Amino acid sequence: MKLLLKWLLSAAALLCVTYLYSGVEVRSFGSAMIAAFVIGLFNVVLRPILVVLTLPVTILTLGLFLFVINALMFWAAASVLGSSFQVHGFAAALIGSLIYTVLGMLIESALGGLFLKK
């Protein structure tokens, strides 16, 4: 139940990113659901590999390179999905992924309070 609710709220967060920043476009809520799924899948599969491969650069930049990795995951999802989810350039991917991450943290904290473990 928590996973399904997080997926729906992540899709809504992606639509919020679209309304807050013009560099990211999502056609519909269905497209946002698919995009949220693909972003989540990339973050689970590809992100750990990229973090390990770029560990020296991440250490050198005191962790700031992780923002670049997040932007790459966001941009990669947009390139896979085509016209239903578009990101206009790397700067748009960086800003969009920052907004999406902040909204995701808010969702995670809200769901953590909703689904307390007993």
PDB file of N, CA and C in Angstrom:
ATOM      1  N   MET A   1       0.826  -1.189   0.000  1.00  0.00           N
ATOM      2  CA  MET A   1       0.000   0.000   0.000  1.00  0.00           C
ATOM      3  C   MET A   1       0.880   1.268   0.000  1.00  0.00           C
ATOM      4  N   LYS A   2       1.933   1.259   0.821  1.00  0.00           N
ATOM      5  CA  LYS A   2       2.808   2.424   0.913  1.00  0.00           C
ATOM      6  C   LYS A   2       3.511   2.673  -0.419  1.00  0.00           C
ATOM      7  N   LEU A   3       3.945   1.606  -1.091  1.00  0.00           N
ATOM      8  CA  LEU A   3       4.642   1.754  -2.369  1.00  0.00           C
ATOM      9  C   LEU A   3       3.723   2.357  -3.435  1.00  0.00           C
ATOM     10  N   LEU A   4       2.486   1.897  -3.474  1.00  0.00           N
ATOM     11  CA  LEU A   4       1.530   2.422  -4.447  1.00  0.00           C
ATOM     12  C   LEU A   4       1.231   3.896  -4.174  1.00  0.00           C
ATOM     13  N   LEU A   5       1.063   4.243  -2.901  1.00  0.00           N
ATOM     14  CA  LEU A   5       0.800   5.632  -2.542  1.00  0.00           C
ATOM     15  C   LEU A   5       2.000   6.520  -2.855  1.00  0.00           C
ATOM     16  N   LYS A   6       3.200   6.012  -2.609  1.00  0.00           N
ATOM     17  CA  LYS A   6       4.407   6.784  -2.917  1.00  0.00           C
ATOM     18  C   LYS A   6       4.541   6.997  -4.426  1.00  0.00           C
ATOM     19  N   TRP A   7       4.196   5.988  -5.208  1.00  0.00           N
ATOM     20  CA  TRP A   7       4.262   6.103  -6.668  1.00  0.00           C
ATOM     21  C   TRP A   7       3.285   7.176  -7.160  1.00  0.00           C
ATOM     22  N   LEU A   8       2.059   7.155  -6.649  1.00  0.00           N
ATOM     23  CA  LEU A   8       1.060   8.150  -7.058  1.00  0.00           C
ATOM     24  C   LEU A   8       1.476   9.564  -6.634  1.00  0.00           C
ATOM     25  N   LEU A   9       2.010   9.687  -5.424  1.00  0.00           N
ATOM     26  CA  LEU A   9       2.453  10.999  -4.959  1.00  0.00           C
ATOM     27  C   LEU A   9       3.697  11.469  -5.709  1.00  0.00           C
ATOM     28  N   SER A  10       4.554  10.553  -6.111  1.00  0.00           N
ATOM     29  CA  SER A  10       5.725  10.926  -6.906  1.00  0.00           C
ATOM     30  C   SER A  10       5.303  11.424  -8.287  1.00  0.00           C
ATOM     31  N   ALA A  11       4.281  10.806  -8.848  1.00  0.00           N
ATOM     32  CA  ALA A  11       3.748  11.284 -10.128  1.00  0.00           C
ATOM     33  C   ALA A  11       3.152  12.677  -9.960  1.00  0.00           C
ATOM     34  N   ALA A  12       2.449  12.901  -8.849  1.00  0.00           N
ATOM     35  CA  ALA A  12       1.907  14.233  -8.581  1.00  0.00           C
ATOM     36  C   ALA A  12       3.040  15.243  -8.374  1.00  0.00           C
ATOM     37  N   ALA A  13       4.127  14.809  -7.732  1.00  0.00           N
ATOM     38  CA  ALA A  13       5.288  15.690  -7.541  1.00  0.00           C
ATOM     39  C   ALA A  13       5.911  16.050  -8.880  1.00  0.00           C
ATOM     40  N   LEU A  14       5.930  15.104  -9.792  1.00  0.00           N
ATOM     41  CA  LEU A  14       6.466  15.380 -11.126  1.00  0.00           C
ATOM     42  C   LEU A  14       5.607  16.403 -11.858  1.00  0.00           C
ATOM     43  N   LEU A  15       4.303  16.326 -11.670  1.00  0.00           N
ATOM     44  CA  LEU A  15       3.424  17.352 -12.244  1.00  0.00           C
ATOM     45  C   LEU A  15       3.661  18.706 -11.585  1.00  0.00           C
ATOM     46  N   CYS A  16       3.952  18.705 -10.286  1.00  0.00           N
ATOM     47  CA  CYS A  16       4.283  19.961  -9.595  1.00  0.00           C
ATOM     48  C   CYS A  16       5.565  20.567 -10.154  1.00  0.00           C
ATOM     49  N   VAL A  17       6.536  19.721 -10.464  1.00  0.00           N
ATOM     50  CA  VAL A  17       7.776  20.211 -11.075  1.00  0.00           C
ATOM     51  C   VAL A  17       7.462  20.880 -12.398  1.00  0.00           C
ATOM     52  N   THR A  18       6.542  20.289 -13.152  1.00  0.00           N
ATOM     53  CA  THR A  18       6.142  20.856 -14.435  1.00  0.00           C
ATOM     54  C   THR A  18       5.530  22.251 -14.256  1.00  0.00           C
ATOM     55  N   TYR A  19       4.708  22.411 -13.222  1.00  0.00           N
ATOM     56  CA  TYR A  19       4.067  23.700 -12.992  1.00  0.00           C
ATOM     57  C   TYR A  19       5.020  24.727 -12.391  1.00  0.00           C
ATOM     58  N   LEU A  20       6.004  24.269 -11.621  1.00  0.00           N
ATOM     59  CA  LEU A  20       6.941  25.191 -10.978  1.00  0.00           C
ATOM     60  C   LEU A  20       8.075  25.630 -11.897  1.00  0.00           C
ATOM     61  N   TYR A  21       8.448  24.766 -12.838  1.00  0.00           N
ATOM     62  CA  TYR A  21       9.605  25.058 -13.685  1.00  0.00           C
ATOM     63  C   TYR A  21       9.273  24.722 -15.131  1.00  0.00           C
ATOM     64  N   SER A  22       9.483  25.659 -16.021  1.00  0.00           N
ATOM     65  CA  SER A  22       9.073  25.488 -17.419  1.00  0.00           C
ATOM     66  C   SER A  22      10.033  24.619 -18.237  1.00  0.00           C
ATOM     67  N   GLY A  23      11.185  24.263 -17.705  1.00  0.00           N
ATOM     68  CA  GLY A  23      12.141  23.439 -18.438  1.00  0.00           C
ATOM     69  C   GLY A  23      11.779  21.967 -18.466  1.00  0.00           C
ATOM     70  N   VAL A  24      10.764  21.586 -17.690  1.00  0.00           N
ATOM     71  CA  VAL A  24      10.313  20.191 -17.624  1.00  0.00           C
ATOM     72  C   VAL A  24       8.855  20.156 -18.061  1.00  0.00           C
ATOM     73  N   GLU A  25       8.531  19.223 -18.960  1.00  0.00           N
ATOM     74  CA  GLU A  25       7.162  19.091 -19.463  1.00  0.00           C
ATOM     75  C   GLU A  25       6.673  17.660 -19.305  1.00  0.00           C
ATOM     76  N   VAL A  26       5.460  17.518 -18.771  1.00  0.00           N
ATOM     77  CA  VAL A  26       4.788  16.228 -18.674  1.00  0.00           C
ATOM     78  C   VAL A  26       3.412  16.405 -19.289  1.00  0.00           C
ATOM     79  N   ARG A  27       3.035  15.512 -20.186  1.00  0.00           N
ATOM     80  CA  ARG A  27       1.781  15.675 -20.937  1.00  0.00           C
ATOM     81  C   ARG A  27       0.529  15.426 -20.094  1.00  0.00           C
ATOM     82  N   SER A  28       0.544  14.375 -19.241  1.00  0.00           N
ATOM     83  CA  SER A  28      -0.655  14.011 -18.492  1.00  0.00           C
ATOM     84  C   SER A  28      -0.257  13.302 -17.205  1.00  0.00           C
ATOM     85  N   PHE A  29      -1.266  13.006 -16.371  1.00  0.00           N
ATOM     86  CA  PHE A  29      -0.973  12.298 -15.131  1.00  0.00           C
ATOM     87  C   PHE A  29      -0.493  10.878 -15.421  1.00  0.00           C
ATOM     88  N   GLY A  30      -1.031  10.249 -16.450  1.00  0.00           N
ATOM     89  CA  GLY A  30      -0.565   8.917 -16.845  1.00  0.00           C
ATOM     90  C   GLY A  30       0.896   8.936 -17.264  1.00  0.00           C
ATOM     91  N   SER A  31       1.267   9.962 -18.011  1.00  0.00           N
ATOM     92  CA  SER A  31       2.670  10.120 -18.391  1.00  0.00           C
ATOM     93  C   SER A  31       3.539  10.366 -17.165  1.00  0.00           C
ATOM     94  N   ALA A  32       3.014  11.125 -16.206  1.00  0.00           N
ATOM     95  CA  ALA A  32       3.756  11.383 -14.971  1.00  0.00           C
ATOM     96  C   ALA A  32       3.935  10.093 -14.174  1.00  0.00           C
ATOM     97  N   MET A  33       2.936   9.222 -14.189  1.00  0.00           N
ATOM     98  CA  MET A  33       3.057   7.937 -13.482  1.00  0.00           C
ATOM     99  C   MET A  33       4.136   7.071 -14.124  1.00  0.00           C
ATOM    100  N   ILE A  34       4.144   7.026 -15.440  1.00  0.00           N
ATOM    101  CA  ILE A  34       5.165   6.249 -16.144  1.00  0.00           C
ATOM    102  C   ILE A  34       6.543   6.847 -15.910  1.00  0.00           C
ATOM    103  N   ALA A  35       6.647   8.177 -15.964  1.00  0.00           N
ATOM    104  CA  ALA A  35       7.931   8.840 -15.746  1.00  0.00           C
ATOM    105  C   ALA A  35       8.428   8.618 -14.319  1.00  0.00           C
ATOM    106  N   ALA A  36       7.532   8.691 -13.340  1.00  0.00           N
ATOM    107  CA  ALA A  36       7.930   8.453 -11.948  1.00  0.00           C
ATOM    108  C   ALA A  36       8.420   7.022 -11.777  1.00  0.00           C
ATOM    109  N   PHE A  37       7.784   6.081 -12.463  1.00  0.00           N
ATOM    110  CA  PHE A  37       8.225   4.688 -12.403  1.00  0.00           C
ATOM    111  C   PHE A  37       9.615   4.522 -13.022  1.00  0.00           C
ATOM    112  N   VAL A  38       9.830   5.142 -14.174  1.00  0.00           N
ATOM    113  CA  VAL A  38      11.123   5.021 -14.857  1.00  0.00           C
ATOM    114  C   VAL A  38      12.228   5.707 -14.050  1.00  0.00           C
ATOM    115  N   ILE A  39      11.944   6.878 -13.489  1.00  0.00           N
ATOM    116  CA  ILE A  39      12.932   7.559 -12.651  1.00  0.00           C
ATOM    117  C   ILE A  39      13.272   6.698 -11.440  1.00  0.00           C
ATOM    118  N   GLY A  40      12.264   6.136 -10.812  1.00  0.00           N
ATOM    119  CA  GLY A  40      12.496   5.252  -9.673  1.00  0.00           C
ATOM    120  C   GLY A  40      13.297   4.022 -10.051  1.00  0.00           C
ATOM    121  N   LEU A  41      12.990   3.453 -11.204  1.00  0.00           N
ATOM    122  CA  LEU A  41      13.721   2.274 -11.685  1.00  0.00           C
ATOM    123  C   LEU A  41      15.179   2.619 -11.966  1.00  0.00           C
ATOM    124  N   PHE A  42      15.413   3.751 -12.610  1.00  0.00           N
ATOM    125  CA  PHE A  42      16.797   4.185 -12.871  1.00  0.00           C
ATOM    126  C   PHE A  42      17.545   4.453 -11.564  1.00  0.00           C
ATOM    127  N   ASN A  43      16.850   5.048 -10.590  1.00  0.00           N
ATOM    128  CA  ASN A  43      17.495   5.327  -9.308  1.00  0.00           C
ATOM    129  C   ASN A  43      17.834   4.051  -8.548  1.00  0.00           C
ATOM    130  N   VAL A  44      17.059   3.006  -8.741  1.00  0.00           N
ATOM    131  CA  VAL A  44      17.340   1.743  -8.064  1.00  0.00           C
ATOM    132  C   VAL A  44      18.427   0.948  -8.784  1.00  0.00           C
ATOM    133  N   VAL A  45      18.424   0.956 -10.111  1.00  0.00           N
ATOM    134  CA  VAL A  45      19.341   0.115 -10.877  1.00  0.00           C
ATOM    135  C   VAL A  45      20.635   0.841 -11.257  1.00  0.00           C
ATOM    136  N   LEU A  46      20.520   1.994 -11.879  1.00  0.00           N
ATOM    137  CA  LEU A  46      21.694   2.681 -12.425  1.00  0.00           C
ATOM    138  C   LEU A  46      22.423   3.578 -11.431  1.00  0.00           C
ATOM    139  N   ARG A  47      21.683   4.244 -10.564  1.00  0.00           N
ATOM    140  CA  ARG A  47      22.303   5.218  -9.667  1.00  0.00           C
ATOM    141  C   ARG A  47      23.385   4.619  -8.777  1.00  0.00           C
ATOM    142  N   PRO A  48      23.161   3.448  -8.138  1.00  0.00           N
ATOM    143  CA  PRO A  48      24.244   2.890  -7.305  1.00  0.00           C
ATOM    144  C   PRO A  48      25.517   2.593  -8.092  1.00  0.00           C
ATOM    145  N   ILE A  49      25.371   2.150  -9.330  1.00  0.00           N
ATOM    146  CA  ILE A  49      26.536   1.871 -10.170  1.00  0.00           C
ATOM    147  C   ILE A  49      27.288   3.160 -10.468  1.00  0.00           C
ATOM    148  N   LEU A  50      26.537   4.206 -10.832  1.00  0.00           N
ATOM    149  CA  LEU A  50      27.176   5.488 -11.122  1.00  0.00           C
ATOM    150  C   LEU A  50      27.831   6.098  -9.883  1.00  0.00           C
ATOM    151  N   VAL A  51      27.205   5.923  -8.728  1.00  0.00           N
ATOM    152  CA  VAL A  51      27.785   6.464  -7.498  1.00  0.00           C
ATOM    153  C   VAL A  51      29.116   5.787  -7.195  1.00  0.00           C
ATOM    154  N   VAL A  52      29.176   4.479  -7.370  1.00  0.00           N
ATOM    155  CA  VAL A  52      30.426   3.755  -7.109  1.00  0.00           C
ATOM    156  C   VAL A  52      31.496   4.135  -8.137  1.00  0.00           C
ATOM    157  N   LEU A  53      31.107   4.229  -9.407  1.00  0.00           N
ATOM    158  CA  LEU A  53      32.080   4.561 -10.450  1.00  0.00           C
ATOM    159  C   LEU A  53      32.628   5.983 -10.320  1.00  0.00           C
ATOM    160  N   THR A  54      31.830   6.887  -9.796  1.00  0.00           N
ATOM    161  CA  THR A  54      32.255   8.277  -9.693  1.00  0.00           C
ATOM    162  C   THR A  54      32.621   8.665  -8.261  1.00  0.00           C
ATOM    163  N   LEU A  55      32.906   7.689  -7.433  1.00  0.00           N
ATOM    164  CA  LEU A  55      33.220   7.962  -6.032  1.00  0.00           C
ATOM    165  C   LEU A  55      34.402   8.916  -5.849  1.00  0.00           C
ATOM    166  N   PRO A  56      35.498   8.781  -6.594  1.00  0.00           N
ATOM    167  CA  PRO A  56      36.584   9.752  -6.415  1.00  0.00           C
ATOM    168  C   PRO A  56      36.166  11.203  -6.712  1.00  0.00           C
ATOM    169  N   VAL A  57      35.391  11.395  -7.764  1.00  0.00           N
ATOM    170  CA  VAL A  57      34.926  12.744  -8.104  1.00  0.00           C
ATOM    171  C   VAL A  57      33.956  13.241  -7.037  1.00  0.00           C
ATOM    172  N   THR A  58      33.108  12.354  -6.539  1.00  0.00           N
ATOM    173  CA  THR A  58      32.155  12.727  -5.499  1.00  0.00           C
ATOM    174  C   THR A  58      32.882  13.148  -4.224  1.00  0.00           C
ATOM    175  N   ILE A  59      33.911  12.424  -3.859  1.00  0.00           N
ATOM    176  CA  ILE A  59      34.692  12.789  -2.673  1.00  0.00           C
ATOM    177  C   ILE A  59      35.408  14.113  -2.897  1.00  0.00           C
ATOM    178  N   LEU A  60      35.970  14.281  -4.085  1.00  0.00           N
ATOM    179  CA  LEU A  60      36.696  15.513  -4.405  1.00  0.00           C
ATOM    180  C   LEU A  60      35.786  16.741  -4.351  1.00  0.00           C
ATOM    181  N   THR A  61      34.531  16.581  -4.761  1.00  0.00           N
ATOM    182  CA  THR A  61      33.592  17.702  -4.775  1.00  0.00           C
ATOM    183  C   THR A  61      32.740  17.765  -3.508  1.00  0.00           C
ATOM    184  N   LEU A  62      33.137  16.979  -2.501  1.00  0.00           N
ATOM    185  CA  LEU A  62      32.429  16.940  -1.216  1.00  0.00           C
ATOM    186  C   LEU A  62      30.950  16.572  -1.370  1.00  0.00           C
ATOM    187  N   GLY A  63      30.661  15.675  -2.284  1.00  0.00           N
ATOM    188  CA  GLY A  63      29.311  15.166  -2.477  1.00  0.00           C
ATOM    189  C   GLY A  63      28.462  15.931  -3.462  1.00  0.00           C
ATOM    190  N   LEU A  64      28.951  17.052  -3.969  1.00  0.00           N
ATOM    191  CA  LEU A  64      28.146  17.848  -4.892  1.00  0.00           C
ATOM    192  C   LEU A  64      27.924  17.164  -6.232  1.00  0.00           C
ATOM    193  N   PHE A  65      28.792  16.209  -6.587  1.00  0.00           N
ATOM    194  CA  PHE A  65      28.623  15.505  -7.855  1.00  0.00           C
ATOM    195  C   PHE A  65      27.375  14.612  -7.840  1.00  0.00           C
ATOM    196  N   LEU A  66      26.856  14.312  -6.661  1.00  0.00           N
ATOM    197  CA  LEU A  66      25.616  13.533  -6.579  1.00  0.00           C
ATOM    198  C   LEU A  66      24.445  14.277  -7.208  1.00  0.00           C
ATOM    199  N   PHE A  67      24.496  15.613  -7.184  1.00  0.00           N
ATOM    200  CA  PHE A  67      23.466  16.395  -7.871  1.00  0.00           C
ATOM    201  C   PHE A  67      23.526  16.156  -9.380  1.00  0.00           C
ATOM    202  N   VAL A  68      24.717  16.003  -9.907  1.00  0.00           N
ATOM    203  CA  VAL A  68      24.892  15.721 -11.335  1.00  0.00           C
ATOM    204  C   VAL A  68      24.340  14.338 -11.663  1.00  0.00           C
ATOM    205  N   ILE A  69      24.591  13.376 -10.782  1.00  0.00           N
ATOM    206  CA  ILE A  69      24.069  12.019 -11.009  1.00  0.00           C
ATOM    207  C   ILE A  69      22.541  12.033 -10.985  1.00  0.00           C
ATOM    208  N   ASN A  70      21.946  12.762 -10.038  1.00  0.00           N
ATOM    209  CA  ASN A  70      20.481  12.870  -9.999  1.00  0.00           C
ATOM    210  C   ASN A  70      19.943  13.505 -11.276  1.00  0.00           C
ATOM    211  N   ALA A  71      20.614  14.538 -11.758  1.00  0.00           N
ATOM    212  CA  ALA A  71      20.180  15.195 -12.993  1.00  0.00           C
ATOM    213  C   ALA A  71      20.298  14.243 -14.179  1.00  0.00           C
ATOM    214  N   LEU A  72      21.355  13.437 -14.209  1.00  0.00           N
ATOM    215  CA  LEU A  72      21.511  12.464 -15.291  1.00  0.00           C
ATOM    216  C   LEU A  72      20.401  11.409 -15.277  1.00  0.00           C
ATOM    217  N   MET A  73      19.994  10.968 -14.097  1.00  0.00           N
ATOM    218  CA  MET A  73      18.891   9.998 -13.998  1.00  0.00           C
ATOM    219  C   MET A  73      17.588  10.626 -14.499  1.00  0.00           C
ATOM    220  N   PHE A  74      17.370  11.879 -14.141  1.00  0.00           N
ATOM    221  CA  PHE A  74      16.176  12.617 -14.569  1.00  0.00           C
ATOM    222  C   PHE A  74      16.173  12.785 -16.079  1.00  0.00           C
ATOM    223  N   TRP A  75      17.335  13.170 -16.618  1.00  0.00           N
ATOM    224  CA  TRP A  75      17.477  13.392 -18.052  1.00  0.00           C
ATOM    225  C   TRP A  75      17.373  12.084 -18.832  1.00  0.00           C
ATOM    226  N   ALA A  76      17.935  11.018 -18.296  1.00  0.00           N
ATOM    227  CA  ALA A  76      17.862   9.714 -18.961  1.00  0.00           C
ATOM    228  C   ALA A  76      16.422   9.220 -19.041  1.00  0.00           C
ATOM    229  N   ALA A  77      15.665   9.429 -17.977  1.00  0.00           N
ATOM    230  CA  ALA A  77      14.254   9.032 -18.005  1.00  0.00           C
ATOM    231  C   ALA A  77      13.498   9.808 -19.071  1.00  0.00           C
ATOM    232  N   ALA A  78      13.810  11.090 -19.209  1.00  0.00           N
ATOM    233  CA  ALA A  78      13.149  11.899 -20.231  1.00  0.00           C
ATOM    234  C   ALA A  78      13.524  11.443 -21.631  1.00  0.00           C
ATOM    235  N   SER A  79      14.769  11.039 -21.819  1.00  0.00           N
ATOM    236  CA  SER A  79      15.178  10.592 -23.153  1.00  0.00           C
ATOM    237  C   SER A  79      14.564   9.243 -23.511  1.00  0.00           C
ATOM    238  N   VAL A  80      14.293   8.415 -22.526  1.00  0.00           N
ATOM    239  CA  VAL A  80      13.660   7.114 -22.786  1.00  0.00           C
ATOM    240  C   VAL A  80      12.186   7.287 -23.111  1.00  0.00           C
ATOM    241  N   LEU A  81      11.515   8.216 -22.438  1.00  0.00           N
ATOM    242  CA  LEU A  81      10.064   8.343 -22.577  1.00  0.00           C
ATOM    243  C   LEU A  81       9.616   9.183 -23.760  1.00  0.00           C
ATOM    244  N   GLY A  82      10.501   9.937 -24.355  1.00  0.00           N
ATOM    245  CA  GLY A  82      10.147  10.681 -25.563  1.00  0.00           C
ATOM    246  C   GLY A  82       9.299  11.904 -25.294  1.00  0.00           C
ATOM    247  N   SER A  83       8.230  12.061 -26.055  1.00  0.00           N
ATOM    248  CA  SER A  83       7.459  13.314 -26.019  1.00  0.00           C
ATOM    249  C   SER A  83       6.521  13.422 -24.815  1.00  0.00           C
ATOM    250  N   SER A  84       6.244  12.336 -24.120  1.00  0.00           N
ATOM    251  CA  SER A  84       5.331  12.430 -22.978  1.00  0.00           C
ATOM    252  C   SER A  84       5.990  13.052 -21.756  1.00  0.00           C
ATOM    253  N   PHE A  85       7.317  12.976 -21.676  1.00  0.00           N
ATOM    254  CA  PHE A  85       8.080  13.583 -20.583  1.00  0.00           C
ATOM    255  C   PHE A  85       9.336  14.180 -21.185  1.00  0.00           C
ATOM    256  N   GLN A  86       9.439  15.507 -21.168  1.00  0.00           N
ATOM    257  CA  GLN A  86      10.557  16.189 -21.811  1.00  0.00           C
ATOM    258  C   GLN A  86      11.300  17.075 -20.822  1.00  0.00           C
ATOM    259  N   VAL A  87      12.615  17.060 -20.935  1.00  0.00           N
ATOM    260  CA  VAL A  87      13.482  17.944 -20.163  1.00  0.00           C
ATOM    261  C   VAL A  87      14.342  18.684 -21.171  1.00  0.00           C
ATOM    262  N   HIS A  88      14.333  20.012 -21.096  1.00  0.00           N
ATOM    263  CA  HIS A  88      15.008  20.844 -22.080  1.00  0.00           C
ATOM    264  C   HIS A  88      16.422  21.207 -21.636  1.00  0.00           C
ATOM    265  N   GLY A  89      17.348  20.272 -21.788  1.00  0.00           N
ATOM    266  CA  GLY A  89      18.746  20.524 -21.488  1.00  0.00           C
ATOM    267  C   GLY A  89      19.178  20.042 -20.114  1.00  0.00           C
ATOM    268  N   PHE A  90      20.494  20.052 -19.914  1.00  0.00           N
ATOM    269  CA  PHE A  90      21.045  19.558 -18.658  1.00  0.00           C
ATOM    270  C   PHE A  90      20.719  20.483 -17.491  1.00  0.00           C
ATOM    271  N   ALA A  91      20.736  21.784 -17.721  1.00  0.00           N
ATOM    272  CA  ALA A  91      20.401  22.724 -16.642  1.00  0.00           C
ATOM    273  C   ALA A  91      18.961  22.514 -16.177  1.00  0.00           C
ATOM    274  N   ALA A  92      18.058  22.267 -17.110  1.00  0.00           N
ATOM    275  CA  ALA A  92      16.672  21.984 -16.756  1.00  0.00           C
ATOM    276  C   ALA A  92      16.568  20.672 -15.986  1.00  0.00           C
ATOM    277  N   ALA A  93      17.379  19.691 -16.372  1.00  0.00           N
ATOM    278  CA  ALA A  93      17.385  18.417 -15.649  1.00  0.00           C
ATOM    279  C   ALA A  93      17.894  18.608 -14.231  1.00  0.00           C
ATOM    280  N   LEU A  94      18.904  19.452 -14.068  1.00  0.00           N
ATOM    281  CA  LEU A  94      19.461  19.705 -12.737  1.00  0.00           C
ATOM    282  C   LEU A  94      18.440  20.409 -11.845  1.00  0.00           C
ATOM    283  N   ILE A  95      17.833  21.460 -12.343  1.00  0.00           N
ATOM    284  CA  ILE A  95      16.846  22.202 -11.556  1.00  0.00           C
ATOM    285  C   ILE A  95      15.605  21.345 -11.304  1.00  0.00           C
ATOM    286  N   GLY A  96      15.141  20.636 -12.329  1.00  0.00           N
ATOM    287  CA  GLY A  96      13.978  19.764 -12.169  1.00  0.00           C
ATOM    288  C   GLY A  96      14.228  18.646 -11.181  1.00  0.00           C
ATOM    289  N   SER A  97      15.420  18.055 -11.221  1.00  0.00           N
ATOM    290  CA  SER A  97      15.719  16.964 -10.286  1.00  0.00           C
ATOM    291  C   SER A  97      15.851  17.495  -8.857  1.00  0.00           C
ATOM    292  N   LEU A  98      16.346  18.717  -8.691  1.00  0.00           N
ATOM    293  CA  LEU A  98      16.410  19.314  -7.351  1.00  0.00           C
ATOM    294  C   LEU A  98      15.009  19.528  -6.776  1.00  0.00           C
ATOM    295  N   ILE A  99      14.118  20.066  -7.573  1.00  0.00           N
ATOM    296  CA  ILE A  99      12.740  20.287  -7.128  1.00  0.00           C
ATOM    297  C   ILE A  99      12.066  18.950  -6.840  1.00  0.00           C
ATOM    298  N   TYR A 100      12.263  17.982  -7.719  1.00  0.00           N
ATOM    299  CA  TYR A 100      11.671  16.652  -7.548  1.00  0.00           C
ATOM    300  C   TYR A 100      12.210  15.967  -6.290  1.00  0.00           C
ATOM    301  N   THR A 101      13.490  16.149  -5.996  1.00  0.00           N
ATOM    302  CA  THR A 101      14.091  15.560  -4.806  1.00  0.00           C
ATOM    303  C   THR A 101      13.509  16.172  -3.543  1.00  0.00           C
ATOM    304  N   VAL A 102      13.351  17.495  -3.529  1.00  0.00           N
ATOM    305  CA  VAL A 102      12.766  18.156  -2.360  1.00  0.00           C
ATOM    306  C   VAL A 102      11.333  17.689  -2.139  1.00  0.00           C
ATOM    307  N   LEU A 103      10.561  17.611  -3.211  1.00  0.00           N
ATOM    308  CA  LEU A 103       9.184  17.122  -3.089  1.00  0.00           C
ATOM    309  C   LEU A 103       9.160  15.653  -2.654  1.00  0.00           C
ATOM    310  N   GLY A 104      10.111  14.862  -3.157  1.00  0.00           N
ATOM    311  CA  GLY A 104      10.204  13.464  -2.746  1.00  0.00           C
ATOM    312  C   GLY A 104      10.533  13.310  -1.273  1.00  0.00           C
ATOM    313  N   MET A 105      11.376  14.188  -0.748  1.00  0.00           N
ATOM    314  CA  MET A 105      11.688  14.153   0.687  1.00  0.00           C
ATOM    315  C   MET A 105      10.459  14.514   1.519  1.00  0.00           C
ATOM    316  N   LEU A 106       9.676  15.469   1.040  1.00  0.00           N
ATOM    317  CA  LEU A 106       8.435  15.821   1.739  1.00  0.00           C
ATOM    318  C   LEU A 106       7.447  14.657   1.720  1.00  0.00           C
ATOM    319  N   ILE A 107       7.347  13.984   0.589  1.00  0.00           N
ATOM    320  CA  ILE A 107       6.467  12.818   0.472  1.00  0.00           C
ATOM    321  C   ILE A 107       6.925  11.715   1.415  1.00  0.00           C
ATOM    322  N   GLU A 108       8.224  11.467   1.445  1.00  0.00           N
ATOM    323  CA  GLU A 108       8.782  10.417   2.288  1.00  0.00           C
ATOM    324  C   GLU A 108       8.527  10.702   3.765  1.00  0.00           C
ATOM    325  N   SER A 109       8.679  11.950   4.177  1.00  0.00           N
ATOM    326  CA  SER A 109       8.436  12.284   5.582  1.00  0.00           C
ATOM    327  C   SER A 109       6.949  12.198   5.926  1.00  0.00           C
ATOM    328  N   ALA A 110       6.095  12.583   4.998  1.00  0.00           N
ATOM    329  CA  ALA A 110       4.655  12.478   5.237  1.00  0.00           C
ATOM    330  C   ALA A 110       4.218  11.022   5.316  1.00  0.00           C
ATOM    331  N   LEU A 111       4.744  10.190   4.425  1.00  0.00           N
ATOM    332  CA  LEU A 111       4.388   8.770   4.455  1.00  0.00           C
ATOM    333  C   LEU A 111       4.984   8.071   5.678  1.00  0.00           C
ATOM    334  N   GLY A 112       6.148   8.528   6.119  1.00  0.00           N
ATOM    335  CA  GLY A 112       6.745   7.951   7.320  1.00  0.00           C
ATOM    336  C   GLY A 112       5.880   8.195   8.532  1.00  0.00           C
ATOM    337  N   GLY A 113       5.262   9.365   8.615  1.00  0.00           N
ATOM    338  CA  GLY A 113       4.350   9.657   9.715  1.00  0.00           C
ATOM    339  C   GLY A 113       3.021   8.952   9.572  1.00  0.00           C
ATOM    340  N   LEU A 114       2.613   8.679   8.352  1.00  0.00           N
ATOM    341  CA  LEU A 114       1.331   8.018   8.104  1.00  0.00           C
ATOM    342  C   LEU A 114       1.410   6.524   8.386  1.00  0.00           C
ATOM    343  N   PHE A 115       2.506   5.904   7.968  1.00  0.00           N
ATOM    344  CA  PHE A 115       2.676   4.464   8.140  1.00  0.00           C
ATOM    345  C   PHE A 115       3.701   4.190   9.233  1.00  0.00           C
ATOM    346  N   LEU A 116       3.367   4.504  10.449  1.00  0.00           N
ATOM    347  CA  LEU A 116       4.282   4.233  11.555  1.00  0.00           C
ATOM    348  C   LEU A 116       4.357   2.748  11.836  1.00  0.00           C
ATOM    349  N   LYS A 117       5.570   2.276  12.068  1.00  0.00           N
ATOM    350  CA  LYS A 117       5.750   0.860  12.413  1.00  0.00           C
ATOM    351  C   LYS A 117       5.499   0.688  13.905  1.00  0.00           C
ATOM    352  N   LYS A 118       4.761  -0.336  14.230  1.00  0.00           N
ATOM    353  CA  LYS A 118       4.438  -0.586  15.650  1.00  0.00           C
ATOM    354  C   LYS A 118       5.162  -1.808  16.143  1.00  0.00           C
TER     355      LYS A 118
END
